[in-house]
């Protein structure tokens, strides 16, 4: 039986977690523009954000932008990070909400959860809890969190309306969504959109800005802002494909159509 997109994602990100745990540098899921070799070289997170964060959490970062610049986290707030991976955004958030706050990290991959808990122990964070589950079925009660964050994860979901609807459900009234995600800026072929491998690479599963806003509004969000911040040229997308041994797939695609078709974006909205 062919693997589903969800199974492909579990396999891929589980392997990345294992590599990081074995002290190997993870390949960024969204191209070399998304991650550097060290915290100082990362273009997503300044040193103000990564100070005190275990290098394993930084190396497992697979994001496309820094969602925490949108979050404006305050002491005492409760935060939920969707698809928390190695825990970088959770551990950074824990510093801002402080001892009176709480940060949940939700992930479906056992290997990533194991890595995240190792990083939690190394960081000494006591206001953090990593939980297993799916972003389309969040294991938290209604209106329990002030802020929902996520980094290059919603685009991987096969049911984005369910995922964003769940984010809205668990958010307190007046709460806010602060996520980074891949968006589609122009039309691409069905071949690209249907490629499971490119879904795993967080490309072909991306929504257009208009569809993203429509879904956010449908599930209840207001004051919606989506701002592309990292435009992906054909060279960046080629690098993504080659870093994941998908060069053969990329070579069959229309480079002109891919050039500038996707971008890392900041997505902000309120309940």
Protein backbone atom coordinates (compact mmCIF):
# COMPACT_ATOMS: atom_id res chain seq x y z
CA UNK A 1 0.00 0.00 0.00
CA UNK A 2 1.33 3.43 -0.91
CA UNK A 3 2.26 5.71 1.95
CA UNK A 4 0.01 8.67 2.72
CA UNK A 5 1.44 12.18 2.87
CA UNK A 6 1.21 11.98 6.66
CA UNK A 7 3.23 8.75 6.69
CA UNK A 8 5.84 10.29 4.40
CA UNK A 9 6.13 13.28 6.72
CA UNK A 10 6.50 11.07 9.81
CA UNK A 11 9.23 9.03 8.14
CA UNK A 12 11.11 12.06 6.86
CA UNK A 13 11.05 14.11 10.07
CA UNK A 14 11.69 11.06 12.22
CA UNK A 15 14.88 10.47 10.25
CA UNK A 16 15.92 14.10 10.76
CA UNK A 17 15.41 13.81 14.51
CA UNK A 18 17.57 10.69 14.57
CA UNK A 19 20.34 12.45 12.64
CA UNK A 20 20.32 15.36 15.05
CA UNK A 21 20.30 13.02 18.03
CA UNK A 22 23.32 11.32 16.49
CA UNK A 23 25.02 14.75 16.28
CA UNK A 24 24.57 15.11 12.53
CA UNK A 25 23.42 18.44 11.09
CA UNK A 26 19.83 18.33 9.86
CA UNK A 27 19.03 19.53 6.38
CA UNK A 28 16.51 22.34 6.51
CA UNK A 29 13.16 21.28 5.17
CA UNK A 30 12.66 24.58 3.38
CA UNK A 31 16.02 25.17 1.72
CA UNK A 32 19.36 26.55 2.78
CA UNK A 33 17.84 29.99 3.14
CA UNK A 34 16.04 28.68 6.21
CA UNK A 35 18.89 27.60 8.38
CA UNK A 36 22.52 28.27 9.11
CA UNK A 37 25.24 26.07 10.55
CA UNK A 38 25.05 27.78 13.93
CA UNK A 39 22.78 30.13 15.79
CA UNK A 40 24.97 33.05 14.69
CA UNK A 41 24.56 32.09 11.06
CA UNK A 42 20.82 31.47 11.18
CA UNK A 43 18.89 34.07 9.22
CA UNK A 44 15.64 33.06 10.90
CA UNK A 45 16.56 33.59 14.53
CA UNK A 46 18.77 36.32 15.93
CA UNK A 47 20.98 35.63 18.93
CA UNK A 48 18.42 37.36 21.13
CA UNK A 49 16.06 34.48 20.39
CA UNK A 50 18.51 31.55 20.45
CA UNK A 51 20.60 32.47 23.49
CA UNK A 52 20.60 29.49 25.85
CA UNK A 53 18.84 27.17 23.40
CA UNK A 54 20.53 23.74 22.94
CA UNK A 55 22.33 23.43 19.61
CA UNK A 56 20.38 20.22 18.90
CA UNK A 57 17.13 22.22 18.94
CA UNK A 58 18.62 24.79 16.58
CA UNK A 59 19.98 22.10 14.26
CA UNK A 60 16.57 20.43 14.10
CA UNK A 61 14.86 23.67 13.15
CA UNK A 62 13.01 23.19 9.87
CA UNK A 63 11.19 26.49 9.63
CA UNK A 64 10.67 29.04 6.89
CA UNK A 65 10.59 32.23 9.02
CA UNK A 66 10.55 33.24 12.68
CA UNK A 67 6.94 33.21 13.98
CA UNK A 68 7.94 34.57 17.37
CA UNK A 69 8.60 38.04 15.99
CA UNK A 70 4.82 38.22 15.53
CA UNK A 71 3.79 36.63 18.80
CA UNK A 72 4.65 39.43 21.27
CA UNK A 73 4.67 36.86 24.08
CA UNK A 74 4.04 38.15 27.58
CA UNK A 75 4.85 36.77 31.05
CA UNK A 76 2.19 34.39 32.29
CA UNK A 77 0.74 33.51 28.88
CA UNK A 78 0.02 29.97 27.68
CA UNK A 79 1.41 29.08 24.26
CA UNK A 80 0.85 26.12 21.93
CA UNK A 81 3.37 25.39 19.18
CA UNK A 82 1.99 23.17 16.40
CA UNK A 83 4.47 20.70 14.92
CA UNK A 84 7.08 21.56 17.52
CA UNK A 85 9.81 19.29 16.15
CA UNK A 86 13.04 19.53 18.12
CA UNK A 87 11.52 22.24 20.29
CA UNK A 88 13.26 25.44 19.21
CA UNK A 89 10.15 27.66 19.18
CA UNK A 90 8.82 26.08 22.38
CA UNK A 91 12.05 26.67 24.27
CA UNK A 92 12.38 30.22 22.99
CA UNK A 93 8.76 30.92 23.95
CA UNK A 94 9.37 29.55 27.44
CA UNK A 95 11.85 32.35 28.09
CA UNK A 96 9.28 35.02 27.26
CA UNK A 97 6.29 33.64 29.18
CA UNK A 98 8.44 33.00 32.24
CA UNK A 99 7.80 30.91 35.33
CA UNK A 100 4.15 31.89 35.48
CA UNK A 101 3.55 30.91 31.84
CA UNK A 102 3.25 27.58 30.06
CA UNK A 103 4.29 26.34 26.61
CA UNK A 104 2.98 23.20 24.94
CA UNK A 105 4.73 21.62 21.99
CA UNK A 106 2.60 19.32 19.85
CA UNK A 107 4.14 16.81 17.45
CA UNK A 108 3.08 13.53 15.86
CA UNK A 109 6.58 12.06 15.46
CA UNK A 110 8.00 9.96 18.30
CA UNK A 111 11.60 10.67 17.34
CA UNK A 112 11.04 14.43 17.37
CA UNK A 113 9.27 14.25 20.73
CA UNK A 114 12.19 12.30 22.17
CA UNK A 115 14.65 14.88 20.82
CA UNK A 116 12.50 17.75 22.10
CA UNK A 117 12.39 16.30 25.60
CA UNK A 118 16.16 15.86 25.55
CA UNK A 119 16.48 19.53 24.58
CA UNK A 120 14.04 20.52 27.31
CA UNK A 121 16.22 18.77 29.87
CA UNK A 122 19.37 20.43 28.53
CA UNK A 123 17.76 23.86 28.60
CA UNK A 124 16.40 23.45 32.11
CA UNK A 125 12.97 24.74 31.06
CA UNK A 126 10.34 23.81 33.64
CA UNK A 127 7.35 25.53 32.04
CA UNK A 128 7.35 23.32 28.94
CA UNK A 129 5.40 20.19 28.04
CA UNK A 130 5.71 18.22 24.81
CA UNK A 131 2.64 16.22 23.84
CA UNK A 132 1.94 13.73 21.07
CA UNK A 133 -0.88 14.38 18.69
CA UNK A 134 -2.02 15.74 15.36
CA UNK A 135 -2.57 19.39 14.53
CA UNK A 136 -5.93 18.43 13.03
CA UNK A 137 -7.04 16.97 16.41
CA UNK A 138 -5.29 18.90 19.17
CA UNK A 139 -5.44 17.07 22.57
CA UNK A 140 -6.25 20.22 24.58
CA UNK A 141 -9.54 21.58 25.85
CA UNK A 142 -11.37 24.56 24.36
CA UNK A 143 -9.99 28.04 25.04
CA UNK A 144 -6.89 26.96 26.96
CA UNK A 145 -4.10 28.91 25.23
CA UNK A 146 -3.39 32.59 24.60
CA UNK A 147 -1.18 32.15 21.56
CA UNK A 148 -0.81 29.49 18.86
CA UNK A 149 2.48 29.40 16.98
CA UNK A 150 3.76 27.17 14.19
CA UNK A 151 6.67 27.15 11.75
CA UNK A 152 6.38 25.58 8.29
CA UNK A 153 3.84 22.97 9.45
CA UNK A 154 0.30 23.99 8.47
CA UNK A 155 1.28 23.66 4.79
CA UNK A 156 2.10 19.99 5.41
CA UNK A 157 -1.41 19.18 6.58
CA UNK A 158 -3.81 17.45 4.22
CA UNK A 159 -6.69 19.17 6.02
CA UNK A 160 -5.66 22.75 6.66
CA UNK A 161 -9.17 23.84 7.57
CA UNK A 162 -9.25 21.22 10.35
CA UNK A 163 -5.81 22.29 11.59
CA UNK A 164 -6.65 26.00 11.65
CA UNK A 165 -10.09 25.26 13.09
CA UNK A 166 -8.47 23.35 15.93
CA UNK A 167 -6.07 26.23 16.55
CA UNK A 168 -9.10 28.52 16.83
CA UNK A 169 -10.90 26.10 19.17
CA UNK A 170 -8.13 25.83 21.75
CA UNK A 171 -7.43 29.58 21.69
CA UNK A 172 -8.90 31.86 24.35
CA UNK A 173 -11.12 34.74 23.25
CA UNK A 174 -8.85 37.60 22.31
CA UNK A 175 -6.01 35.17 21.64
CA UNK A 176 -3.74 35.36 18.64
CA UNK A 177 -2.28 33.21 15.89
CA UNK A 178 1.37 33.86 15.03
CA UNK A 179 2.76 31.41 12.51
CA UNK A 180 5.30 31.14 9.73
CA UNK A 181 4.28 29.08 6.73
CA UNK A 182 4.83 28.54 3.02
CA UNK A 183 2.39 30.28 0.70
CA UNK A 184 1.88 29.98 -3.04
CA UNK A 185 2.26 33.24 -4.96
CA UNK A 186 1.44 32.07 -8.48
CA UNK A 187 -0.10 29.11 -10.28
CA UNK A 188 1.86 25.84 -10.59
CA UNK A 189 1.16 22.60 -12.43
CA UNK A 190 -0.88 19.73 -11.03
CA UNK A 191 2.29 17.65 -11.21
CA UNK A 192 3.92 19.85 -8.58
CA UNK A 193 0.84 20.09 -6.39
CA UNK A 194 0.32 16.32 -6.40
CA UNK A 195 3.93 15.34 -5.62
CA UNK A 196 4.14 13.74 -2.16
CA UNK A 197 7.89 14.28 -2.10
CA UNK A 198 7.49 18.00 -2.62
CA UNK A 199 4.79 18.07 0.07
CA UNK A 200 7.35 16.69 2.48
CA UNK A 201 9.63 19.47 1.29
CA UNK A 202 6.87 21.92 2.30
CA UNK A 203 6.34 23.25 -1.19
CA UNK A 204 3.44 21.75 -3.11
CA UNK A 205 1.12 21.65 -0.09
CA UNK A 206 1.16 25.43 0.21
CA UNK A 207 -2.01 27.51 0.01
CA UNK A 208 -2.37 30.68 -1.99
CA UNK A 209 -2.56 33.82 0.13
CA UNK A 210 -6.22 34.22 -0.87
CA UNK A 211 -7.13 30.64 0.10
CA UNK A 212 -5.24 30.97 3.37
CA UNK A 213 -7.20 34.09 4.29
CA UNK A 214 -10.47 32.46 3.23
CA UNK A 215 -9.90 29.43 5.49
CA UNK A 216 -8.79 31.55 8.43
CA UNK A 217 -11.90 33.67 8.10
CA UNK A 218 -14.13 30.62 7.68
CA UNK A 219 -12.97 29.03 10.94
CA UNK A 220 -13.52 32.30 12.80
CA UNK A 221 -10.29 34.32 12.80
CA UNK A 222 -10.31 38.09 12.28
CA UNK A 223 -7.75 40.86 11.64
CA UNK A 224 -5.90 38.49 9.30
CA UNK A 225 -2.51 39.52 7.92
CA UNK A 226 -0.33 37.40 5.61
CA UNK A 227 3.03 38.85 4.60
CA UNK A 228 5.52 36.98 2.35
CA UNK A 229 9.02 37.49 3.76
CA UNK A 230 11.25 34.96 1.96
CA UNK A 231 10.56 34.55 -1.77
CA UNK A 232 11.81 31.20 -3.12
CA UNK A 233 13.65 31.51 -6.40
CA UNK A 234 14.10 28.52 -8.69
CA UNK A 235 17.64 28.13 -7.33
CA UNK A 236 16.39 27.90 -3.75
CA UNK A 237 13.78 25.30 -4.72
CA UNK A 238 16.39 23.35 -6.66
CA UNK A 239 18.58 23.34 -3.55
CA UNK A 240 15.65 22.02 -1.50
CA UNK A 241 15.11 19.20 -3.99
CA UNK A 242 18.78 18.26 -4.26
CA UNK A 243 19.31 18.35 -0.48
CA UNK A 244 16.53 15.75 -0.21
CA UNK A 245 17.77 13.63 -3.12
CA UNK A 246 14.86 14.78 -5.26
CA UNK A 247 16.95 16.25 -8.05
CA UNK A 248 15.42 13.88 -10.62
CA UNK A 249 11.93 15.07 -9.73
CA UNK A 250 12.96 18.71 -9.89
CA UNK A 251 14.66 18.23 -13.28
CA UNK A 252 11.30 17.25 -14.81
CA UNK A 253 9.57 20.38 -13.56
CA UNK A 254 9.23 23.76 -15.23
CA UNK A 255 11.86 25.99 -13.59
CA UNK A 256 10.22 29.15 -14.91
CA UNK A 257 6.91 28.19 -13.31
CA UNK A 258 8.65 27.41 -10.00
CA UNK A 259 10.65 30.65 -9.89
CA UNK A 260 9.01 32.89 -7.30
CA UNK A 261 5.95 30.65 -7.01
CA UNK A 262 6.38 30.08 -3.27
CA UNK A 263 7.48 32.09 -0.26
CA UNK A 264 7.94 31.83 3.47
CA UNK A 265 5.35 34.11 5.05
CA UNK A 266 4.23 35.53 8.38
CA UNK A 267 0.59 34.77 9.18
CA UNK A 268 -1.13 36.68 11.98
CA UNK A 269 -4.75 36.62 13.10
CA UNK A 270 -6.93 37.03 16.21
CA UNK A 271 -9.86 35.27 17.86
